[in-house]
C-alpha atoms as a PDB file:
ATOM      1  CA  MET A   1      91.289  95.179 132.920  1.00  0.00           C
ATOM      2  CA  GLN A   2      89.120  92.623 134.310  1.00  0.00           C
ATOM      3  CA  VAL A   3      89.731  89.507 136.111  1.00  0.00           C
ATOM      4  CA  ILE A   4      86.802  87.483 137.635  1.00  0.00           C
ATOM      5  CA  VAL A   5      87.288  86.037 140.717  1.00  0.00           C
ATOM      6  CA  ARG A   6      85.383  81.797 140.832  1.00  0.00           C
ATOM      7  CA  ASP A   7      84.719  80.455 144.117  1.00  0.00           C
ATOM      8  CA  ASN A   8      86.394  82.824 145.942  1.00  0.00           C
ATOM      9  CA  ASN A   9      89.885  81.707 144.116  1.00  0.00           C
ATOM     10  CA  VAL A  10      91.815  84.516 144.252  1.00  0.00           C
ATOM     11  CA  GLU A  11      95.293  83.013 144.043  1.00  0.00           C
ATOM     12  CA  GLN A  12      93.874  81.834 140.473  1.00  0.00           C
ATOM     13  CA  ALA A  13      92.418  85.188 139.559  1.00  0.00           C
ATOM     14  CA  LEU A  14      96.135  86.580 140.200  1.00  0.00           C
ATOM     15  CA  ARG A  15      97.634  84.196 138.012  1.00  0.00           C
ATOM     16  CA  VAL A  16      95.405  85.129 134.816  1.00  0.00           C
ATOM     17  CA  LEU A  17      95.474  88.861 135.598  1.00  0.00           C
ATOM     18  CA  LYS A  18      99.343  88.218 136.096  1.00  0.00           C
ATOM     19  CA  LYS A  19      99.902  86.012 132.523  1.00  0.00           C
ATOM     20  CA  ARG A  20      97.186  88.573 130.568  1.00  0.00           C
ATOM     21  CA  MET A  21      99.319  92.011 131.942  1.00  0.00           C
ATOM     22  CA  GLN A  22     102.430  89.658 130.666  1.00  0.00           C
ATOM     23  CA  ARG A  23     101.204  89.394 127.587  1.00  0.00           C
ATOM     24  CA  GLU A  24     100.126  92.992 126.841  1.00  0.00           C
ATOM     25  CA  GLY A  25     103.430  94.305 127.671  1.00  0.00           C
ATOM     26  CA  ILE A  26     102.729  96.146 130.832  1.00  0.00           C
ATOM     27  CA  PHE A  27     105.527  94.894 132.717  1.00  0.00           C
ATOM     28  CA  ARG A  28     107.962  96.172 129.916  1.00  0.00           C
ATOM     29  CA  GLU A  29     106.133  99.171 129.823  1.00  0.00           C
ATOM     30  CA  MET A  30     106.304  99.992 133.967  1.00  0.00           C
ATOM     31  CA  ARG A  31     110.253  98.957 133.298  1.00  0.00           C
ATOM     32  CA  ALA A  32     110.859 101.220 130.532  1.00  0.00           C
ATOM     33  CA  ARG A  33     108.946 103.893 132.402  1.00  0.00           C
ATOM     34  CA  GLU A  34     110.717 103.755 135.461  1.00  0.00           C
ATOM     35  CA  SER A  35     113.577 105.812 134.300  1.00  0.00           C
ATOM     36  CA  TYR A  36     114.229 107.912 131.515  1.00  0.00           C
ATOM     37  CA  GLU A  37     116.290 106.435 128.566  1.00  0.00           C
ATOM     38  CA  LYS A  38     118.527 108.542 125.908  1.00  0.00           C
ATOM     39  CA  PRO A  39     117.269 108.570 122.499  1.00  0.00           C
ATOM     40  CA  SER A  40     120.100 106.992 121.632  1.00  0.00           C
ATOM     41  CA  GLU A  41     119.981 103.880 123.852  1.00  0.00           C
ATOM     42  CA  LYS A  42     116.060 103.945 122.897  1.00  0.00           C
ATOM     43  CA  ARG A  43     117.811 103.661 118.813  1.00  0.00           C
ATOM     44  CA  VAL A  44     120.042 100.963 120.152  1.00  0.00           C
ATOM     45  CA  ARG A  45     117.644  98.770 122.231  1.00  0.00           C
ATOM     46  CA  GLU A  46     115.174  99.205 119.405  1.00  0.00           C
ATOM     47  CA  LYS A  47     117.628  98.307 116.442  1.00  0.00           C
ATOM     48  CA  ALA A  48     118.304  94.849 118.910  1.00  0.00           C
ATOM     49  CA  GLU A  49     114.951  94.123 119.159  1.00  0.00           C
ATOM     50  CA  ALA A  50     114.410  94.299 115.739  1.00  0.00           C
ATOM     51  CA  VAL A  51     116.780  92.201 114.523  1.00  0.00           C
ATOM     52  CA  ARG A  52     116.469  89.898 117.482  1.00  0.00           C
ATOM     53  CA  ARG A  53     112.620  89.386 115.542  1.00  0.00           C
ATOM     54  CA  TYR A  54     113.940  89.119 112.170  1.00  0.00           C
ATOM     55  CA  ARG A  55     116.430  86.006 113.590  1.00  0.00           C
ATOM     56  CA  LYS A  56     113.409  84.595 115.193  1.00  0.00           C
ATOM     57  CA  MET A  57     111.647  85.013 111.918  1.00  0.00           C
ATOM     58  CA  ALA A  58     113.942  83.614 109.701  1.00  0.00           C
ATOM     59  CA  ARG A  59     114.921  80.410 111.985  1.00  0.00           C
ATOM     60  CA  LYS A  60     111.002  79.578 112.508  1.00  0.00           C
ATOM     61  CA  LYS A  61     110.957  79.609 108.040  1.00  0.00           C
ATOM     62  CA  LEU A  62     113.731  77.432 108.199  1.00  0.00           C
ATOM     63  CA  GLN A  63     112.448  74.693 110.543  1.00  0.00           C
ATOM     64  CA  ARG A  64     108.812  75.034 108.562  1.00  0.00           C
ATOM     65  CA  GLU A  65     111.231  74.291 105.865  1.00  0.00           C
ATOM     66  CA  GLY A  66     112.483  71.423 107.249  1.00  0.00           C
ATOM     67  CA  LEU A  67     116.464  73.370 106.606  1.00  0.00           C
ATOM     68  CA  LEU A  68     116.689  72.995 110.872  1.00  0.00           C
ATOM     69  CA  PRO A  69     115.520  70.598 113.374  1.00  0.00           C
ATOM     70  CA  ALA A  70     112.425  71.540 115.161  1.00  0.00           C
ATOM     71  CA  PRO A  71     113.285  72.675 118.978  1.00  0.00           C
ATOM     72  CA  LYS A  72     112.572  70.071 121.537  1.00  0.00           C
ATOM     73  CA  LYS A  73     109.581  70.005 123.512  1.00  0.00           C
ATOM     74  CA  ALA A  74     110.301  70.037 127.008  1.00  0.00           C
ATOM     75  CA  ALA A  75     109.010  67.028 129.443  1.00  0.00           C
ATOM     76  CA  ARG A  76     106.077  68.053 131.563  1.00  0.00           C
ATOM     77  CA  THR A  77     105.888  66.365 134.661  1.00  0.00           C
ATOM     78  CA  ARG A  78     103.090  66.083 136.974  1.00  0.00           C
END
């Protein structure tokens, strides 16, 4: 993975790199590889993740159909 440093702005390049790594799931994979996970724990975790994904998908579908109110947008102050 490469990030271009523009105008010697290393801080901005680091922010971009961290964002890309987060999006690719590298941090999650590093955390998972730190220690051994028993197969039974892995099954439980993957099942919980699947349930979470399914519920999120169902919630978004209901919001699109207008049966649930859309989440409120966070007001950004600058």
